[in-house]
């Protein structure tokens, strides 16, 4: 029961981190909010950075 109760807040916390934005900044040096479509999603990361960063952001 306790492991199930820990999974929910950990999953919520990890889901709230914008990994595509962080990867775009760290690996590509690009602010995804100001380039491409302006969306911080994996599709914009794939279009505005190299394909490797887009694939990593998608997973």
N, C-alpha and C. Protein backbone atom coordinates (compact mmCIF):
# COMPACT_ATOMS: atom_id res chain seq x y z
N UNK A 1 0.82 -1.20 0.00
CA UNK A 1 0.00 0.00 0.00
C UNK A 1 0.87 1.26 0.00
N UNK A 2 1.92 1.27 0.81
CA UNK A 2 2.78 2.45 0.88
C UNK A 2 3.49 2.74 -0.45
N UNK A 3 4.02 1.71 -1.16
CA UNK A 3 4.64 2.03 -2.46
C UNK A 3 3.64 2.65 -3.44
N UNK A 4 2.39 2.21 -3.41
CA UNK A 4 1.39 2.80 -4.30
C UNK A 4 1.13 4.25 -3.94
N UNK A 5 1.17 4.57 -2.67
CA UNK A 5 0.93 5.95 -2.26
C UNK A 5 2.12 6.85 -2.60
N UNK A 6 3.29 6.27 -2.73
CA UNK A 6 4.46 7.06 -3.10
C UNK A 6 4.54 7.31 -4.61
N UNK A 7 4.00 6.39 -5.39
CA UNK A 7 4.07 6.51 -6.84
C UNK A 7 3.26 7.70 -7.33
N UNK A 8 2.14 7.96 -6.72
CA UNK A 8 1.26 9.05 -7.18
C UNK A 8 1.93 10.42 -7.06
N UNK A 9 2.46 10.81 -5.90
CA UNK A 9 3.09 12.14 -5.85
C UNK A 9 4.38 12.23 -6.66
N UNK A 10 5.12 11.14 -6.76
CA UNK A 10 6.34 11.15 -7.56
C UNK A 10 6.00 11.31 -9.04
N UNK A 11 4.99 10.59 -9.51
CA UNK A 11 4.55 10.73 -10.89
C UNK A 11 4.02 12.12 -11.19
N UNK A 12 3.29 12.69 -10.25
CA UNK A 12 2.77 14.05 -10.43
C UNK A 12 3.92 15.06 -10.52
N UNK A 13 4.91 14.89 -9.64
CA UNK A 13 6.04 15.81 -9.63
C UNK A 13 6.85 15.70 -10.92
N UNK A 14 7.09 14.47 -11.39
CA UNK A 14 7.85 14.29 -12.63
C UNK A 14 7.07 14.78 -13.84
N UNK A 15 5.75 14.65 -13.82
CA UNK A 15 4.93 15.11 -14.92
C UNK A 15 4.84 16.62 -15.02
N UNK A 16 5.14 17.30 -13.94
CA UNK A 16 5.04 18.76 -13.95
C UNK A 16 6.34 19.44 -14.41
N UNK A 17 7.39 18.67 -14.63
CA UNK A 17 8.67 19.22 -15.07
C UNK A 17 8.66 19.31 -16.60
N UNK A 18 8.90 20.47 -17.18
CA UNK A 18 8.91 20.59 -18.65
C UNK A 18 10.25 20.11 -19.23
N UNK A 19 10.37 18.80 -19.42
CA UNK A 19 11.63 18.23 -19.87
C UNK A 19 12.02 18.71 -21.26
N UNK A 20 11.05 18.94 -22.15
CA UNK A 20 11.38 19.42 -23.49
C UNK A 20 12.03 20.80 -23.42
N UNK A 21 11.52 21.66 -22.55
CA UNK A 21 12.11 22.99 -22.40
C UNK A 21 13.53 22.90 -21.83
N UNK A 22 13.71 22.06 -20.83
CA UNK A 22 15.03 21.90 -20.22
C UNK A 22 16.04 21.31 -21.20
N UNK A 23 15.62 20.29 -21.96
CA UNK A 23 16.53 19.70 -22.93
C UNK A 23 16.88 20.68 -24.05
N UNK A 24 15.92 21.46 -24.47
CA UNK A 24 16.20 22.46 -25.50
C UNK A 24 17.22 23.48 -25.04
N UNK A 25 17.14 23.86 -23.78
CA UNK A 25 18.11 24.83 -23.25
C UNK A 25 19.47 24.20 -23.03
N UNK A 26 19.49 23.03 -22.40
CA UNK A 26 20.77 22.41 -22.03
C UNK A 26 21.53 21.89 -23.25
N UNK A 27 20.83 21.20 -24.14
CA UNK A 27 21.52 20.56 -25.25
C UNK A 27 21.56 21.41 -26.51
N UNK A 28 20.52 22.20 -26.74
CA UNK A 28 20.48 22.96 -27.97
C UNK A 28 20.70 24.44 -27.80
N UNK A 29 20.61 24.94 -26.56
CA UNK A 29 20.76 26.36 -26.32
C UNK A 29 19.60 27.19 -26.85
N UNK A 30 18.42 26.57 -26.96
CA UNK A 30 17.25 27.23 -27.55
C UNK A 30 16.15 27.31 -26.51
N UNK A 31 15.49 28.47 -26.44
CA UNK A 31 14.31 28.62 -25.60
C UNK A 31 13.10 28.26 -26.46
N UNK A 32 12.48 27.12 -26.19
CA UNK A 32 11.38 26.64 -27.02
C UNK A 32 10.17 27.55 -26.97
N UNK A 33 10.04 28.35 -25.93
CA UNK A 33 8.91 29.26 -25.84
C UNK A 33 9.03 30.40 -26.83
N UNK A 34 10.23 30.67 -27.31
CA UNK A 34 10.45 31.78 -28.23
C UNK A 34 10.82 31.33 -29.64
N UNK A 35 10.81 30.04 -29.89
CA UNK A 35 11.17 29.55 -31.22
C UNK A 35 10.13 28.54 -31.69
N UNK A 36 10.07 28.37 -32.99
CA UNK A 36 9.11 27.43 -33.55
C UNK A 36 7.68 27.87 -33.30
N UNK A 37 6.85 26.94 -32.84
CA UNK A 37 5.44 27.24 -32.58
C UNK A 37 5.23 27.90 -31.23
N UNK A 38 6.25 27.93 -30.39
CA UNK A 38 6.12 28.52 -29.06
C UNK A 38 5.62 27.54 -28.03
N UNK A 39 5.29 26.34 -28.45
CA UNK A 39 4.83 25.30 -27.54
C UNK A 39 6.04 24.62 -26.91
N UNK A 40 5.93 24.24 -25.65
CA UNK A 40 7.06 23.60 -24.97
C UNK A 40 7.01 22.08 -25.09
N UNK A 41 6.32 21.56 -26.08
CA UNK A 41 6.17 20.13 -26.23
C UNK A 41 7.30 19.48 -27.02
N UNK A 42 7.21 18.16 -27.10
CA UNK A 42 8.24 17.38 -27.77
C UNK A 42 8.26 17.63 -29.28
N UNK A 43 7.11 17.90 -29.89
CA UNK A 43 7.08 18.15 -31.33
C UNK A 43 7.85 19.42 -31.68
N UNK A 44 7.69 20.46 -30.90
CA UNK A 44 8.44 21.69 -31.15
C UNK A 44 9.92 21.47 -30.87
N UNK A 45 10.25 20.68 -29.87
CA UNK A 45 11.65 20.37 -29.59
C UNK A 45 12.26 19.61 -30.76
N UNK A 46 11.50 18.70 -31.35
CA UNK A 46 11.99 17.93 -32.49
C UNK A 46 12.22 18.83 -33.69
N UNK A 47 11.34 19.80 -33.92
CA UNK A 47 11.46 20.69 -35.08
C UNK A 47 12.55 21.74 -34.93
N UNK A 48 12.74 22.26 -33.72
CA UNK A 48 13.66 23.39 -33.56
C UNK A 48 15.06 22.99 -33.12
N UNK A 49 15.22 21.79 -32.59
CA UNK A 49 16.55 21.32 -32.20
C UNK A 49 16.94 20.15 -33.10
N UNK A 50 18.00 19.49 -32.74
CA UNK A 50 18.40 18.30 -33.49
C UNK A 50 17.43 17.17 -33.18
N UNK A 51 17.33 16.18 -34.07
CA UNK A 51 16.38 15.08 -33.83
C UNK A 51 16.64 14.32 -32.53
N UNK A 52 17.87 14.24 -32.08
CA UNK A 52 18.16 13.52 -30.84
C UNK A 52 17.45 14.16 -29.65
N UNK A 53 17.50 15.48 -29.54
CA UNK A 53 16.83 16.15 -28.43
C UNK A 53 15.32 15.96 -28.51
N UNK A 54 14.77 15.98 -29.71
CA UNK A 54 13.34 15.77 -29.87
C UNK A 54 12.93 14.37 -29.45
N UNK A 55 13.72 13.39 -29.80
CA UNK A 55 13.40 12.02 -29.41
C UNK A 55 13.53 11.82 -27.91
N UNK A 56 14.53 12.43 -27.30
CA UNK A 56 14.69 12.31 -25.85
C UNK A 56 13.53 13.00 -25.14
N UNK A 57 13.09 14.13 -25.64
CA UNK A 57 11.97 14.84 -25.03
C UNK A 57 10.68 14.06 -25.18
N UNK A 58 10.57 13.27 -26.24
CA UNK A 58 9.36 12.50 -26.47
C UNK A 58 9.22 11.33 -25.51
N UNK A 59 10.33 10.82 -25.03
CA UNK A 59 10.26 9.65 -24.15
C UNK A 59 10.18 10.01 -22.70
